[in-house]
């Protein structure tokens, strides 16, 4: 059973590792190897750890950190949903997403947005998100990745 709790600065490295492993496992074919290596370069100390001070959450199975997710409240955006490869296809991503959507509702949001990676767009559509057009995501590090901007009404 998945247990979700708010992340702390002590979780930054574990969250970064989950992200790195999920991207390198799941995004093969959707992006070039060079894009994935650039996307996952560096360490938590390079800025990823700053996310722990926001609505950033960790998901645990039997005490092991297996998933991440966050809600960027000012931007009304859900992001950073990553699951360790060995825990994929078990409903953990759906549970993390549902948790973040419920949090958004509790905080008064009527809709949320996200930028889906090309490989994850169908997952989000199955979860009620709408969006078809491809766009370019500009990361803080300067990396540009194709994505699918999506929206979901929470009402």
N, C-alpha and C. Protein backbone atom coordinates (compact mmCIF):
# COMPACT_ATOMS: atom_id res chain seq x y z
N UNK A 1 0.84 -1.19 0.00
CA UNK A 1 0.00 0.00 0.00
C UNK A 1 0.88 1.25 0.00
N UNK A 2 0.52 2.21 -0.81
CA UNK A 2 1.30 3.44 -0.93
C UNK A 2 0.99 4.39 0.20
N UNK A 3 2.02 4.88 0.84
CA UNK A 3 1.89 5.92 1.85
C UNK A 3 2.57 7.17 1.28
N UNK A 4 1.88 8.30 1.36
CA UNK A 4 2.39 9.55 0.81
C UNK A 4 2.59 10.55 1.93
N UNK A 5 3.75 11.20 1.92
CA UNK A 5 4.01 12.25 2.91
C UNK A 5 4.78 13.38 2.27
N UNK A 6 4.69 14.53 2.90
CA UNK A 6 5.39 15.73 2.42
C UNK A 6 6.90 15.48 2.50
N UNK A 7 7.60 15.88 1.46
CA UNK A 7 9.05 15.72 1.43
C UNK A 7 9.74 16.77 2.29
N UNK A 8 10.93 16.45 2.71
CA UNK A 8 11.80 17.38 3.43
C UNK A 8 13.11 17.49 2.67
N UNK A 9 13.97 18.38 3.10
CA UNK A 9 15.29 18.50 2.48
C UNK A 9 16.06 17.18 2.54
N UNK A 10 15.81 16.39 3.57
CA UNK A 10 16.49 15.09 3.68
C UNK A 10 16.07 14.13 2.57
N UNK A 11 14.96 14.40 1.91
CA UNK A 11 14.46 13.53 0.83
C UNK A 11 14.99 13.92 -0.55
N UNK A 12 15.70 15.02 -0.65
CA UNK A 12 16.08 15.55 -1.96
C UNK A 12 16.87 14.55 -2.80
N UNK A 13 17.84 13.90 -2.25
CA UNK A 13 18.66 12.97 -3.03
C UNK A 13 17.84 11.76 -3.47
N UNK A 14 17.01 11.22 -2.58
CA UNK A 14 16.17 10.08 -2.95
C UNK A 14 15.19 10.49 -4.06
N UNK A 15 14.62 11.68 -3.96
CA UNK A 15 13.69 12.16 -4.99
C UNK A 15 14.41 12.33 -6.33
N UNK A 16 15.62 12.85 -6.28
CA UNK A 16 16.41 13.03 -7.50
C UNK A 16 16.71 11.68 -8.15
N UNK A 17 17.05 10.69 -7.34
CA UNK A 17 17.35 9.35 -7.86
C UNK A 17 16.12 8.70 -8.49
N UNK A 18 14.96 8.86 -7.85
CA UNK A 18 13.72 8.32 -8.43
C UNK A 18 13.49 8.95 -9.79
N UNK A 19 13.63 10.26 -9.87
CA UNK A 19 13.45 11.00 -11.12
C UNK A 19 14.41 10.49 -12.19
N UNK A 20 15.68 10.40 -11.84
CA UNK A 20 16.71 9.96 -12.78
C UNK A 20 16.39 8.57 -13.32
N UNK A 21 16.11 7.63 -12.45
CA UNK A 21 15.85 6.26 -12.88
C UNK A 21 14.57 6.15 -13.70
N UNK A 22 13.53 6.89 -13.30
CA UNK A 22 12.27 6.85 -14.05
C UNK A 22 12.45 7.40 -15.46
N UNK A 23 13.12 8.53 -15.59
CA UNK A 23 13.34 9.14 -16.90
C UNK A 23 14.15 8.21 -17.79
N UNK A 24 15.24 7.68 -17.27
CA UNK A 24 16.11 6.84 -18.09
C UNK A 24 15.45 5.51 -18.46
N UNK A 25 14.49 5.08 -17.69
CA UNK A 25 13.78 3.84 -18.00
C UNK A 25 12.58 4.08 -18.92
N UNK A 26 11.80 5.08 -18.63
CA UNK A 26 10.51 5.26 -19.28
C UNK A 26 10.56 6.11 -20.54
N UNK A 27 11.53 6.98 -20.67
CA UNK A 27 11.53 7.94 -21.78
C UNK A 27 12.34 7.48 -22.99
N UNK A 28 12.84 6.27 -22.96
CA UNK A 28 13.58 5.72 -24.09
C UNK A 28 12.65 5.70 -25.30
N UNK A 29 13.11 6.25 -26.39
CA UNK A 29 12.31 6.28 -27.60
C UNK A 29 11.52 7.57 -27.77
N UNK A 30 11.08 8.16 -26.67
CA UNK A 30 10.34 9.42 -26.76
C UNK A 30 11.31 10.59 -26.94
N UNK A 31 12.51 10.44 -26.39
CA UNK A 31 13.54 11.48 -26.47
C UNK A 31 14.86 10.82 -26.84
N UNK A 32 15.78 11.62 -27.32
CA UNK A 32 17.09 11.08 -27.68
C UNK A 32 17.87 10.74 -26.42
N UNK A 33 18.86 9.90 -26.58
CA UNK A 33 19.72 9.55 -25.45
C UNK A 33 20.41 10.81 -24.90
N UNK A 34 20.84 11.69 -25.79
CA UNK A 34 21.50 12.92 -25.34
C UNK A 34 20.54 13.79 -24.54
N UNK A 35 19.28 13.91 -24.98
CA UNK A 35 18.31 14.69 -24.22
C UNK A 35 18.11 14.09 -22.83
N UNK A 36 18.00 12.78 -22.75
CA UNK A 36 17.80 12.14 -21.44
C UNK A 36 19.00 12.32 -20.54
N UNK A 37 20.20 12.22 -21.09
CA UNK A 37 21.40 12.41 -20.28
C UNK A 37 21.51 13.84 -19.78
N UNK A 38 21.20 14.81 -20.65
CA UNK A 38 21.22 16.22 -20.24
C UNK A 38 20.15 16.48 -19.18
N UNK A 39 18.96 15.93 -19.39
CA UNK A 39 17.83 16.10 -18.49
C UNK A 39 18.14 15.56 -17.09
N UNK A 40 18.90 14.48 -17.03
CA UNK A 40 19.16 13.84 -15.73
C UNK A 40 20.55 14.11 -15.19
N UNK A 41 21.27 15.03 -15.81
CA UNK A 41 22.63 15.37 -15.34
C UNK A 41 22.58 16.10 -14.01
N UNK A 42 23.71 16.13 -13.36
CA UNK A 42 23.83 16.89 -12.12
C UNK A 42 23.44 16.11 -10.89
N UNK A 43 23.04 16.86 -9.88
CA UNK A 43 22.66 16.25 -8.60
C UNK A 43 21.53 17.06 -7.97
N UNK A 44 20.99 16.54 -6.90
CA UNK A 44 19.91 17.22 -6.19
C UNK A 44 20.36 18.60 -5.73
N UNK A 45 21.63 18.75 -5.41
CA UNK A 45 22.16 20.03 -4.93
C UNK A 45 22.17 21.11 -6.01
N UNK A 46 22.00 20.71 -7.27
CA UNK A 46 22.02 21.67 -8.37
C UNK A 46 20.72 22.44 -8.54
N UNK A 47 19.80 22.32 -7.60
CA UNK A 47 18.56 23.07 -7.67
C UNK A 47 17.33 22.22 -7.42
N UNK A 48 17.45 20.92 -7.64
CA UNK A 48 16.29 20.05 -7.43
C UNK A 48 15.88 20.05 -5.96
N UNK A 49 16.83 20.17 -5.07
CA UNK A 49 16.53 20.14 -3.63
C UNK A 49 15.63 21.31 -3.22
N UNK A 50 15.66 22.41 -3.96
CA UNK A 50 14.81 23.56 -3.64
C UNK A 50 13.33 23.21 -3.74
N UNK A 51 13.00 22.23 -4.58
CA UNK A 51 11.60 21.82 -4.73
C UNK A 51 11.04 21.22 -3.44
N UNK A 52 11.89 20.71 -2.59
CA UNK A 52 11.42 20.07 -1.35
C UNK A 52 10.71 21.05 -0.44
N UNK A 53 10.94 22.35 -0.65
CA UNK A 53 10.30 23.37 0.19
C UNK A 53 8.90 23.73 -0.31
N UNK A 54 8.48 23.15 -1.44
CA UNK A 54 7.15 23.41 -1.98
C UNK A 54 6.23 22.25 -1.61
N UNK A 55 5.11 22.14 -2.29
CA UNK A 55 4.21 21.01 -2.08
C UNK A 55 4.76 19.80 -2.82
N UNK A 56 5.86 19.26 -2.32
CA UNK A 56 6.54 18.12 -2.93
C UNK A 56 6.32 16.92 -2.02
N UNK A 57 5.97 15.80 -2.62
CA UNK A 57 5.59 14.61 -1.84
C UNK A 57 6.36 13.39 -2.29
N UNK A 58 6.55 12.50 -1.34
CA UNK A 58 7.21 11.21 -1.59
C UNK A 58 6.20 10.10 -1.32
N UNK A 59 6.24 9.07 -2.16
CA UNK A 59 5.40 7.91 -1.97
C UNK A 59 6.26 6.74 -1.52
N UNK A 60 5.78 5.99 -0.53
CA UNK A 60 6.53 4.88 0.06
C UNK A 60 5.73 3.59 0.00
N UNK A 61 6.44 2.51 -0.27
CA UNK A 61 5.88 1.16 -0.16
C UNK A 61 6.77 0.41 0.82
N UNK A 62 6.19 -0.06 1.90
CA UNK A 62 6.95 -0.78 2.93
C UNK A 62 8.19 0.00 3.38
N UNK A 63 8.03 1.31 3.52
CA UNK A 63 9.10 2.16 4.01
C UNK A 63 10.15 2.56 2.98
N UNK A 64 9.99 2.11 1.74
CA UNK A 64 10.94 2.43 0.68
C UNK A 64 10.36 3.53 -0.20
N UNK A 65 11.15 4.59 -0.42
CA UNK A 65 10.71 5.69 -1.30
C UNK A 65 10.68 5.18 -2.73
N UNK A 66 9.48 5.24 -3.35
CA UNK A 66 9.32 4.69 -4.70
C UNK A 66 8.74 5.68 -5.70
N UNK A 67 8.22 6.82 -5.23
CA UNK A 67 7.55 7.76 -6.14
C UNK A 67 7.64 9.18 -5.61
N UNK A 68 7.49 10.12 -6.54
CA UNK A 68 7.46 11.54 -6.18
C UNK A 68 6.31 12.22 -6.92
N UNK A 69 5.95 13.39 -6.45
CA UNK A 69 4.97 14.22 -7.13
C UNK A 69 4.92 15.58 -6.44
N UNK A 70 4.52 16.60 -7.19
CA UNK A 70 4.45 17.92 -6.59
C UNK A 70 3.30 18.73 -7.18
N UNK A 71 2.89 19.71 -6.40
CA UNK A 71 1.89 20.69 -6.82
C UNK A 71 2.52 22.06 -6.71
N UNK A 72 2.68 22.73 -7.84
CA UNK A 72 3.17 24.10 -7.87
C UNK A 72 1.92 24.98 -7.76
N UNK A 73 1.61 25.38 -6.55
CA UNK A 73 0.36 26.09 -6.28
C UNK A 73 0.22 27.40 -7.07
N UNK A 74 1.23 28.28 -7.08
CA UNK A 74 1.05 29.53 -7.84
C UNK A 74 0.78 29.30 -9.33
N UNK A 75 1.36 28.25 -9.90
CA UNK A 75 1.16 27.97 -11.33
C UNK A 75 0.01 26.99 -11.57
N UNK A 76 -0.57 26.47 -10.47
CA UNK A 76 -1.67 25.49 -10.56
C UNK A 76 -1.24 24.27 -11.38
N UNK A 77 0.00 23.86 -11.17
CA UNK A 77 0.61 22.84 -12.01
C UNK A 77 1.03 21.61 -11.21
N UNK A 78 0.67 20.46 -11.72
CA UNK A 78 1.13 19.19 -11.16
C UNK A 78 2.37 18.78 -11.92
N UNK A 79 3.34 18.25 -11.22
CA UNK A 79 4.58 17.84 -11.89
C UNK A 79 5.37 16.86 -11.06
N UNK A 80 6.52 16.51 -11.57
CA UNK A 80 7.49 15.64 -10.91
C UNK A 80 6.90 14.29 -10.50
N UNK A 81 5.93 13.79 -11.27
CA UNK A 81 5.40 12.46 -10.96
C UNK A 81 6.33 11.44 -11.59
N UNK A 82 7.09 10.80 -10.74
CA UNK A 82 8.06 9.78 -11.15
C UNK A 82 7.91 8.57 -10.25
N UNK A 83 8.07 7.39 -10.83
CA UNK A 83 7.97 6.13 -10.09
C UNK A 83 9.19 5.29 -10.44
N UNK A 84 9.80 4.66 -9.44
CA UNK A 84 10.92 3.77 -9.72
C UNK A 84 10.49 2.69 -10.71
N UNK A 85 11.36 2.34 -11.65
CA UNK A 85 10.99 1.36 -12.67
C UNK A 85 10.43 0.06 -12.12
N UNK A 86 10.99 -0.47 -11.06
CA UNK A 86 10.52 -1.75 -10.53
C UNK A 86 9.15 -1.66 -9.84
N UNK A 87 8.64 -0.43 -9.69
CA UNK A 87 7.31 -0.23 -9.10
C UNK A 87 6.30 0.32 -10.11
N UNK A 88 6.72 0.44 -11.36
CA UNK A 88 5.81 0.93 -12.40
C UNK A 88 4.75 -0.13 -12.70
N UNK A 89 3.64 0.32 -13.29
CA UNK A 89 2.54 -0.56 -13.69
C UNK A 89 1.85 -1.23 -12.50
N UNK A 90 1.91 -0.57 -11.33
CA UNK A 90 1.24 -1.08 -10.13
C UNK A 90 0.21 -0.08 -9.60
N UNK A 91 -0.06 0.98 -10.35
CA UNK A 91 -1.04 1.98 -9.93
C UNK A 91 -0.49 3.07 -9.04
N UNK A 92 0.80 3.08 -8.81
CA UNK A 92 1.41 4.06 -7.90
C UNK A 92 1.32 5.47 -8.50
N UNK A 93 1.58 5.61 -9.78
CA UNK A 93 1.48 6.93 -10.42
C UNK A 93 0.06 7.47 -10.35
N UNK A 94 -0.93 6.59 -10.54
CA UNK A 94 -2.34 7.00 -10.45
C UNK A 94 -2.66 7.47 -9.04
N UNK A 95 -2.16 6.76 -8.04
CA UNK A 95 -2.42 7.14 -6.65
C UNK A 95 -1.76 8.48 -6.29
N UNK A 96 -0.54 8.68 -6.77
CA UNK A 96 0.15 9.96 -6.50
C UNK A 96 -0.60 11.09 -7.18
N UNK A 97 -1.01 10.88 -8.42
CA UNK A 97 -1.75 11.91 -9.15
C UNK A 97 -3.07 12.23 -8.45
N UNK A 98 -3.81 11.22 -8.02
CA UNK A 98 -5.08 11.43 -7.31
C UNK A 98 -4.85 12.20 -6.02
N UNK A 99 -3.78 11.89 -5.31
CA UNK A 99 -3.44 12.60 -4.08
C UNK A 99 -3.21 14.08 -4.36
N UNK A 100 -2.45 14.38 -5.40
CA UNK A 100 -2.15 15.78 -5.73
C UNK A 100 -3.39 16.53 -6.21
N UNK A 101 -4.24 15.85 -6.94
CA UNK A 101 -5.49 16.48 -7.37
C UNK A 101 -6.38 16.79 -6.17
N UNK A 102 -6.44 15.87 -5.21
CA UNK A 102 -7.25 16.12 -4.01
C UNK A 102 -6.66 17.28 -3.21
N UNK A 103 -5.36 17.34 -3.12
CA UNK A 103 -4.70 18.47 -2.44
C UNK A 103 -5.05 19.78 -3.14
N UNK A 104 -5.00 19.77 -4.47
CA UNK A 104 -5.34 20.98 -5.24
C UNK A 104 -6.77 21.41 -4.94
N UNK A 105 -7.70 20.46 -4.89
CA UNK A 105 -9.10 20.79 -4.55
C UNK A 105 -9.18 21.41 -3.16
N UNK A 106 -8.50 20.81 -2.19
CA UNK A 106 -8.53 21.31 -0.82
C UNK A 106 -7.96 22.73 -0.73
N UNK A 107 -7.04 23.05 -1.62
CA UNK A 107 -6.42 24.38 -1.63
C UNK A 107 -7.18 25.36 -2.51
N UNK A 108 -8.35 24.93 -3.01
CA UNK A 108 -9.24 25.83 -3.72
C UNK A 108 -9.07 25.90 -5.23
N UNK A 109 -8.26 25.02 -5.81
CA UNK A 109 -8.08 25.05 -7.26
C UNK A 109 -9.24 24.33 -7.96
N UNK A 110 -9.70 24.92 -9.04
CA UNK A 110 -10.78 24.32 -9.82
C UNK A 110 -10.25 23.58 -11.04
N UNK A 111 -9.00 23.86 -11.40
CA UNK A 111 -8.37 23.14 -12.50
C UNK A 111 -6.87 23.11 -12.26
N UNK A 112 -6.22 22.12 -12.84
CA UNK A 112 -4.76 22.01 -12.78
C UNK A 112 -4.24 21.79 -14.19
N UNK A 113 -2.99 22.13 -14.38
CA UNK A 113 -2.32 21.94 -15.65
C UNK A 113 -1.06 21.12 -15.44
N UNK A 114 -0.53 20.61 -16.52
CA UNK A 114 0.76 19.91 -16.48
C UNK A 114 1.32 19.85 -17.88
N UNK A 115 2.61 19.63 -17.96
CA UNK A 115 3.29 19.39 -19.23
C UNK A 115 3.68 17.92 -19.24
N UNK A 116 2.96 17.12 -20.01
CA UNK A 116 3.22 15.68 -20.07
C UNK A 116 4.39 15.40 -20.99
N UNK A 117 5.27 14.52 -20.57
CA UNK A 117 6.28 14.03 -21.49
C UNK A 117 5.56 13.24 -22.58
N UNK A 118 6.21 13.09 -23.72
CA UNK A 118 5.57 12.41 -24.85
C UNK A 118 5.13 11.00 -24.49
N UNK A 119 5.92 10.32 -23.67
CA UNK A 119 5.60 8.94 -23.30
C UNK A 119 4.49 8.87 -22.24
N UNK A 120 4.20 9.96 -21.56
CA UNK A 120 3.22 9.93 -20.47
C UNK A 120 1.87 10.55 -20.84
N UNK A 121 1.75 11.13 -22.02
CA UNK A 121 0.51 11.83 -22.39
C UNK A 121 -0.70 10.90 -22.34
N UNK A 122 -0.57 9.68 -22.81
CA UNK A 122 -1.71 8.75 -22.78
C UNK A 122 -2.11 8.39 -21.35
N UNK A 123 -1.14 8.26 -20.46
CA UNK A 123 -1.43 8.02 -19.05
C UNK A 123 -2.31 9.13 -18.49
N UNK A 124 -1.93 10.37 -18.75
CA UNK A 124 -2.69 11.51 -18.23
C UNK A 124 -4.08 11.59 -18.88
N UNK A 125 -4.17 11.27 -20.15
CA UNK A 125 -5.50 11.24 -20.79
C UNK A 125 -6.41 10.22 -20.11
N UNK A 126 -5.87 9.05 -19.79
CA UNK A 126 -6.67 8.04 -19.08
C UNK A 126 -7.11 8.53 -17.70
N UNK A 127 -6.38 9.50 -17.16
CA UNK A 127 -6.71 10.06 -15.84
C UNK A 127 -7.56 11.33 -15.95
N UNK A 128 -8.08 11.63 -17.14
CA UNK A 128 -9.00 12.74 -17.30
C UNK A 128 -8.42 14.04 -17.78
N UNK A 129 -7.15 14.06 -18.15
CA UNK A 129 -6.53 15.28 -18.65
C UNK A 129 -6.80 15.43 -20.14
N UNK A 130 -6.87 16.69 -20.58
CA UNK A 130 -7.12 17.00 -21.98
C UNK A 130 -5.95 17.78 -22.54
N UNK A 131 -5.58 17.43 -23.75
CA UNK A 131 -4.50 18.13 -24.45
C UNK A 131 -3.96 17.25 -25.55
N UNK A 132 -3.79 17.83 -26.72
CA UNK A 132 -3.34 17.08 -27.89
C UNK A 132 -2.12 17.71 -28.55
N UNK A 133 -2.02 19.02 -28.48
CA UNK A 133 -0.97 19.74 -29.20
C UNK A 133 0.39 19.57 -28.52
N UNK A 134 1.40 19.38 -29.32
CA UNK A 134 2.77 19.29 -28.81
C UNK A 134 3.34 20.70 -28.69
N UNK A 135 4.10 20.91 -27.64
CA UNK A 135 4.74 22.19 -27.39
C UNK A 135 6.19 21.91 -26.99
N UNK A 136 6.90 22.94 -26.61
CA UNK A 136 8.27 22.79 -26.15
C UNK A 136 8.37 23.24 -24.70
N UNK A 137 8.86 22.34 -23.85
CA UNK A 137 9.11 22.67 -22.45
C UNK A 137 10.52 23.22 -22.36
N UNK A 138 10.68 24.37 -21.70
CA UNK A 138 11.99 24.98 -21.49
C UNK A 138 12.36 24.80 -20.03
N UNK A 139 13.32 23.92 -19.77
CA UNK A 139 13.71 23.67 -18.39
C UNK A 139 14.59 24.79 -17.87
N UNK A 140 14.68 24.92 -16.55
CA UNK A 140 15.55 25.96 -15.97
C UNK A 140 17.01 25.80 -16.39
N UNK A 141 17.40 24.57 -16.74
CA UNK A 141 18.80 24.33 -17.15
C UNK A 141 19.03 24.68 -18.61
N UNK A 142 17.97 25.06 -19.34
CA UNK A 142 18.11 25.41 -20.74
C UNK A 142 17.74 24.30 -21.70
N UNK A 143 17.48 23.11 -21.20
CA UNK A 143 17.08 21.99 -22.04
C UNK A 143 15.69 22.24 -22.60
N UNK A 144 15.50 21.90 -23.86
CA UNK A 144 14.19 22.03 -24.49
C UNK A 144 13.71 20.63 -24.87
N UNK A 145 12.49 20.30 -24.39
CA UNK A 145 11.91 18.98 -24.65
C UNK A 145 10.51 19.13 -25.20
N UNK A 146 10.16 18.31 -26.16
CA UNK A 146 8.78 18.28 -26.63
C UNK A 146 7.89 17.76 -25.49
N UNK A 147 6.72 18.35 -25.36
CA UNK A 147 5.77 17.95 -24.32
C UNK A 147 4.36 18.18 -24.82
N UNK A 148 3.39 17.74 -24.03
CA UNK A 148 1.99 17.96 -24.35
C UNK A 148 1.36 18.72 -23.18
N UNK A 149 1.10 20.01 -23.34
CA UNK A 149 0.43 20.76 -22.27
C UNK A 149 -0.99 20.21 -22.09
N UNK A 150 -1.37 19.97 -20.84
CA UNK A 150 -2.66 19.35 -20.56
C UNK A 150 -3.35 20.08 -19.41
N UNK A 151 -4.66 19.91 -19.33
CA UNK A 151 -5.47 20.55 -18.31
C UNK A 151 -6.53 19.57 -17.82
N UNK A 152 -6.90 19.72 -16.57
CA UNK A 152 -8.00 18.92 -16.00
C UNK A 152 -8.84 19.80 -15.10
N UNK A 153 -10.16 19.75 -15.30
CA UNK A 153 -11.09 20.43 -14.41
C UNK A 153 -11.27 19.54 -13.18
N UNK A 154 -11.19 20.14 -12.01
CA UNK A 154 -11.28 19.35 -10.77
C UNK A 154 -12.69 19.32 -10.18
N UNK A 155 -13.57 20.22 -10.66
CA UNK A 155 -14.93 20.34 -10.13
C UNK A 155 -15.60 19.02 -9.98
